[in-house]
Amino acid sequence: MTAFATGQGQTIVLVHGALGDYRQWQPIADCLQSHFRVVALSRRHHWPNDPPATAAVYSVESHRDDLLALLQALGEPVHLVGHSYGAVVVLSAVLAEPSLARSLILIEPPLPSLLSSTNSDLEAEHASRAAMVATLKHQVAAGDNAGAAVTLFDWAQGGTGGFAALPGASRRHLLANAATIGPTYSTPAPHLDHMHLASLRIPALILNGARTRPVYELSGLAAAASIPNAKSAVIADARHMVIVERPDATAMSMLEFLALQ
């Protein structure tokens, strides 16, 4: 795991999602550093760390434990922020050691375990995701990690062309981490239910892009309903990759929330 730090004040720790690294957070860190000490992570096996080997340990739990080790080393409670897969990592860390966090910000959290399996609105969404995962696993098996990355982000961004519509630097960063896509989908996410989230007693904000996929939107709504006194906000003109599509608006929502803590 690698990190960069900037700014002064209370510490805010930023954890990226699938195929990301700490470079995704730079525009947001630029907005936050006047108010906070910002620590942005590259999780294990993400740039500039070594890519995963065949037998690499890669799971939400391993990333959670890496994060907990960092938080314990920092020696003070921090504001924890996670995007997508990173939101599941930070949520898992807070549930394991709640005393290490001052507050929690979940951006586009994928939490299907909070959603009803009988929700007819999600039947097509689940089928679409299953088809996407099957395609990307086939591409990974064939050695086409870059193609699998495009498959994933086309789906996450709403359909064909979603990856191509992302900013050029973001596309390059995602492709630089394409070797992590197989490990990302090799281990199931932990089952986090409403009772787990209801146990949290720290301030929480859930952020979604206004044009995100239904599974992310409904996961965000379910998380906000489950965490006591959680707040939620929507970023206009953004999809799942809101942190690179609308970094200034994302940072502003974060600052507005943190100013009340």
Protein backbone atom coordinates (compact mmCIF):
# COMPACT_ATOMS: atom_id res chain seq x y z
CA MET A 1 0.00 0.00 0.00
CA THR A 2 1.24 3.50 -0.91
CA ALA A 3 -0.10 6.92 0.04
CA PHE A 4 0.47 10.62 -0.50
CA ALA A 5 -0.31 13.27 2.09
CA THR A 6 -0.95 16.99 1.74
CA GLY A 7 -2.45 19.83 3.78
CA GLN A 8 -2.87 20.39 7.50
CA GLY A 9 -5.59 19.85 10.10
CA GLN A 10 -7.69 16.84 10.98
CA THR A 11 -6.84 13.86 8.78
CA ILE A 12 -9.12 12.68 5.99
CA VAL A 13 -8.26 9.35 4.34
CA LEU A 14 -9.38 8.66 0.76
CA VAL A 15 -9.72 5.09 -0.56
CA HIS A 16 -10.24 4.43 -4.28
CA GLY A 17 -12.40 1.83 -6.01
CA ALA A 18 -11.77 -0.92 -8.56
CA LEU A 19 -8.80 -0.31 -10.89
CA GLY A 20 -8.14 3.03 -9.22
CA ASP A 21 -5.17 4.48 -7.38
CA TYR A 22 -4.42 7.60 -5.40
CA ARG A 23 -4.11 9.72 -8.57
CA GLN A 24 -7.91 9.66 -8.93
CA TRP A 25 -8.18 11.80 -5.80
CA GLN A 26 -5.75 14.57 -6.77
CA PRO A 27 -8.37 17.18 -7.84
CA ILE A 28 -10.43 16.45 -4.72
CA ALA A 29 -7.32 16.56 -2.52
CA ASP A 30 -6.51 19.97 -4.01
CA CYS A 31 -9.92 21.21 -2.81
CA LEU A 32 -9.63 19.65 0.65
CA GLN A 33 -6.04 20.45 1.58
CA SER A 34 -6.81 23.97 2.82
CA HIS A 35 -9.02 22.46 5.51
CA PHE A 36 -7.61 18.99 6.21
CA ARG A 37 -4.53 16.84 6.14
CA VAL A 38 -5.42 14.65 3.17
CA VAL A 39 -4.07 11.10 2.90
CA ALA A 40 -4.92 9.32 -0.36
CA LEU A 41 -4.12 5.62 -0.72
CA SER A 42 -3.19 3.29 -3.49
CA ARG A 43 -4.39 -0.09 -2.24
CA ARG A 44 -2.15 -3.16 -2.46
CA HIS A 45 -1.26 -4.12 -6.05
CA HIS A 46 -2.48 -0.77 -7.45
CA TRP A 47 -0.11 1.75 -9.06
CA PRO A 48 2.63 2.50 -8.08
CA ASN A 49 2.72 -0.78 -6.12
CA ASP A 50 3.67 -4.07 -7.75
CA PRO A 51 0.83 -5.64 -9.77
CA PRO A 52 -0.74 -8.79 -8.37
CA ALA A 53 1.00 -12.13 -8.81
CA THR A 54 -0.99 -15.27 -9.60
CA ALA A 55 -1.42 -16.20 -5.93
CA ALA A 56 -1.86 -12.64 -4.66
CA VAL A 57 -4.07 -12.09 -1.61
CA TYR A 58 -6.76 -9.66 -2.75
CA SER A 59 -10.09 -9.23 -1.01
CA VAL A 60 -12.14 -6.61 0.80
CA GLU A 61 -10.88 -8.13 4.03
CA SER A 62 -7.19 -7.85 3.05
CA HIS A 63 -7.66 -4.21 2.01
CA ARG A 64 -9.61 -3.56 5.20
CA ASP A 65 -6.74 -4.92 7.27
CA ASP A 66 -4.22 -2.80 5.36
CA LEU A 67 -6.36 0.26 6.04
CA LEU A 68 -6.76 -0.57 9.72
CA ALA A 69 -2.99 -0.89 10.07
CA LEU A 70 -2.56 2.58 8.57
CA LEU A 71 -5.26 4.10 10.79
CA GLN A 72 -3.68 2.62 13.89
CA ALA A 73 -0.31 4.04 12.82
CA LEU A 74 -1.81 7.51 12.35
CA GLY A 75 -2.76 7.46 16.01
CA GLU A 76 -5.90 9.59 15.80
CA PRO A 77 -9.45 9.16 14.56
CA VAL A 78 -9.83 10.23 10.92
CA HIS A 79 -12.55 11.13 8.46
CA LEU A 80 -12.83 8.08 6.18
CA VAL A 81 -13.89 8.33 2.53
CA GLY A 82 -14.32 5.47 0.08
CA HIS A 83 -15.50 5.28 -3.52
CA SER A 84 -17.19 2.15 -4.95
CA TYR A 85 -15.12 -0.92 -3.92
CA GLY A 86 -13.24 1.45 -1.62
CA ALA A 87 -16.54 2.37 0.06
CA VAL A 88 -16.99 -1.29 1.02
CA VAL A 89 -13.41 -1.35 2.33
CA VAL A 90 -13.84 1.73 4.55
CA LEU A 91 -17.26 0.58 5.75
CA SER A 92 -15.77 -2.79 6.71
CA ALA A 93 -12.94 -1.02 8.55
CA VAL A 94 -15.31 1.22 10.52
CA LEU A 95 -17.47 -1.74 11.48
CA ALA A 96 -14.37 -3.58 12.72
CA GLU A 97 -12.83 -0.62 14.62
CA PRO A 98 -15.34 2.24 14.97
CA SER A 99 -13.11 4.21 17.34
CA LEU A 100 -10.65 4.90 14.49
CA ALA A 101 -13.12 7.09 12.52
CA ARG A 102 -14.52 10.56 13.19
CA SER A 103 -16.91 10.32 10.27
CA LEU A 104 -17.65 8.22 7.21
CA ILE A 105 -18.31 9.23 3.59
CA LEU A 106 -19.44 6.51 1.18
CA ILE A 107 -19.41 7.48 -2.50
CA GLU A 108 -21.39 5.23 -4.85
CA PRO A 109 -21.25 2.21 -2.50
CA PRO A 110 -22.08 -1.15 -4.14
CA LEU A 111 -24.01 -2.90 -1.36
CA PRO A 112 -26.36 -5.43 -3.00
CA SER A 113 -26.68 -7.31 0.30
CA LEU A 114 -28.80 -4.37 1.54
CA LEU A 115 -31.25 -4.74 -1.34
CA SER A 116 -34.26 -6.99 -1.43
CA SER A 117 -33.82 -10.02 -3.66
CA THR A 118 -37.47 -9.67 -4.65
CA ASN A 119 -37.14 -6.09 -5.92
CA SER A 120 -38.48 -6.32 -9.47
CA ASP A 121 -36.74 -3.06 -10.38
CA LEU A 122 -33.39 -4.82 -9.94
CA GLU A 123 -34.05 -8.05 -11.84
CA ALA A 124 -32.75 -6.63 -15.10
CA GLU A 125 -29.89 -4.92 -13.27
CA HIS A 126 -28.74 -8.15 -11.64
CA ALA A 127 -28.96 -10.00 -14.95
CA SER A 128 -27.00 -7.25 -16.70
CA ARG A 129 -24.28 -7.29 -14.05
CA ALA A 130 -24.01 -11.09 -14.17
CA ALA A 131 -23.54 -10.95 -17.95
CA MET A 132 -20.90 -8.21 -17.57
CA VAL A 133 -18.95 -10.19 -14.96
CA ALA A 134 -19.06 -13.33 -17.11
CA THR A 135 -17.70 -11.35 -20.07
CA LEU A 136 -14.88 -9.72 -18.14
CA LYS A 137 -13.85 -13.04 -16.56
CA HIS A 138 -13.66 -14.57 -20.04
CA GLN A 139 -11.51 -11.62 -21.17
CA VAL A 140 -9.22 -11.95 -18.14
CA ALA A 141 -8.83 -15.68 -18.78
CA ALA A 142 -7.81 -14.84 -22.36
CA GLY A 143 -5.21 -12.35 -21.11
CA ASP A 144 -7.18 -9.27 -22.17
CA ASN A 145 -7.15 -7.25 -18.96
CA ALA A 146 -7.53 -3.96 -20.82
CA GLY A 147 -10.63 -5.23 -22.61
CA ALA A 148 -12.04 -6.41 -19.28
CA ALA A 149 -11.44 -2.94 -17.81
CA VAL A 150 -13.42 -1.37 -20.64
CA THR A 151 -16.20 -3.93 -20.14
CA LEU A 152 -16.42 -3.08 -16.45
CA PHE A 153 -16.47 0.68 -16.83
CA ASP A 154 -18.81 0.66 -19.81
CA TRP A 155 -21.26 -1.17 -17.56
CA ALA A 156 -20.61 0.95 -14.46
CA GLN A 157 -21.06 4.13 -16.50
CA GLY A 158 -24.33 3.00 -18.03
CA GLY A 159 -23.47 1.28 -21.30
CA THR A 160 -21.27 1.17 -24.38
CA GLY A 161 -19.02 4.20 -24.58
CA GLY A 162 -19.04 4.82 -20.84
CA PHE A 163 -15.32 4.16 -20.49
CA ALA A 164 -14.44 6.26 -23.54
CA ALA A 165 -16.40 9.22 -22.11
CA LEU A 166 -14.24 9.40 -18.97
CA PRO A 167 -11.45 12.00 -18.84
CA GLY A 168 -8.31 10.87 -20.65
CA ALA A 169 -6.12 10.82 -17.54
CA SER A 170 -8.71 8.70 -15.74
CA ARG A 171 -8.78 6.18 -18.57
CA ARG A 172 -4.98 5.91 -18.50
CA HIS A 173 -4.96 5.41 -14.73
CA LEU A 174 -7.64 2.71 -14.90
CA LEU A 175 -5.80 0.84 -17.64
CA ALA A 176 -2.56 1.08 -15.63
CA ASN A 177 -4.34 -0.98 -12.97
CA ALA A 178 -6.04 -3.41 -15.34
CA ALA A 179 -4.05 -6.34 -13.91
CA THR A 180 -6.10 -6.04 -10.70
CA ILE A 181 -9.43 -6.74 -12.39
CA GLY A 182 -9.15 -10.52 -12.14
CA PRO A 183 -8.32 -10.47 -8.41
CA THR A 184 -11.07 -7.89 -7.81
CA TYR A 185 -13.68 -10.37 -9.02
CA SER A 186 -12.07 -13.51 -7.61
CA THR A 187 -13.39 -13.13 -4.06
CA PRO A 188 -17.00 -12.34 -3.05
CA ALA A 189 -17.69 -9.15 -1.15
CA PRO A 190 -18.58 -9.48 2.55
CA HIS A 191 -22.25 -9.69 3.45
CA LEU A 192 -23.13 -6.40 5.14
CA ASP A 193 -26.75 -6.12 6.23
CA HIS A 194 -28.95 -3.44 7.77
CA MET A 195 -28.11 -4.57 11.32
CA HIS A 196 -24.39 -4.07 10.68
CA LEU A 197 -24.92 -0.52 9.44
CA ALA A 198 -27.43 0.28 12.19
CA SER A 199 -24.68 -0.30 14.76
CA LEU A 200 -22.68 2.71 13.54
CA ARG A 201 -22.64 5.77 15.77
CA ILE A 202 -20.54 8.20 13.76
CA PRO A 203 -21.66 10.91 11.33
CA ALA A 204 -22.08 9.54 7.81
CA LEU A 205 -22.68 10.93 4.33
CA ILE A 206 -23.64 8.89 1.27
CA LEU A 207 -22.98 10.46 -2.13
CA ASN A 208 -24.31 9.29 -5.49
CA GLY A 209 -24.13 10.56 -9.03
CA ALA A 210 -27.51 11.74 -10.27
CA ARG A 211 -27.24 9.56 -13.40
CA THR A 212 -25.79 6.44 -11.80
CA ARG A 213 -27.01 2.89 -12.34
CA PRO A 214 -30.00 1.69 -10.26
CA VAL A 215 -27.91 -0.74 -8.19
CA TYR A 216 -25.64 2.08 -6.99
CA GLU A 217 -28.52 4.48 -6.43
CA LEU A 218 -30.53 1.96 -4.41
CA SER A 219 -27.45 0.84 -2.47
CA GLY A 220 -26.81 4.45 -1.51
CA LEU A 221 -30.41 4.97 -0.42
CA ALA A 222 -30.37 1.74 1.60
CA ALA A 223 -27.10 2.70 3.31
CA ALA A 224 -28.46 6.14 4.20
CA ALA A 225 -31.61 4.56 5.62
CA SER A 226 -29.65 2.00 7.64
CA ILE A 227 -26.98 4.19 9.26
CA PRO A 228 -28.51 6.24 12.10
CA ASN A 229 -28.82 9.95 11.21
CA ALA A 230 -26.89 9.51 7.96
CA LYS A 231 -27.13 12.25 5.36
CA SER A 232 -27.23 11.78 1.62
CA ALA A 233 -26.53 14.00 -1.37
CA VAL A 234 -26.62 13.71 -5.15
CA ILE A 235 -24.04 15.15 -7.55
CA ALA A 236 -25.65 16.49 -10.74
CA ASP A 237 -24.51 15.35 -14.19
CA ALA A 238 -22.48 12.44 -12.86
CA ARG A 239 -22.57 8.67 -13.06
CA HIS A 240 -20.69 6.06 -11.03
CA MET A 241 -17.28 7.66 -11.56
CA VAL A 242 -18.42 10.87 -9.93
CA ILE A 243 -15.04 11.50 -8.27
CA VAL A 244 -13.40 12.05 -11.67
CA GLU A 245 -16.44 13.38 -13.54
CA ARG A 246 -17.33 16.09 -11.00
CA PRO A 247 -14.44 16.38 -8.54
CA ASP A 248 -15.14 19.99 -7.54
CA ALA A 249 -18.82 19.30 -6.79
CA THR A 250 -17.90 16.11 -4.95
CA ALA A 251 -15.36 17.94 -2.81
CA MET A 252 -17.86 20.71 -2.06
CA SER A 253 -20.46 18.21 -0.82
CA MET A 254 -17.80 16.59 1.35
CA LEU A 255 -16.71 19.95 2.81
CA GLU A 256 -20.30 21.00 3.54
CA PHE A 257 -20.83 17.77 5.47
CA LEU A 258 -17.52 17.90 7.31
CA ALA A 259 -18.04 21.52 8.35
CA LEU A 260 -20.90 20.31 10.57
CA GLN A 261 -18.83 17.65 12.36
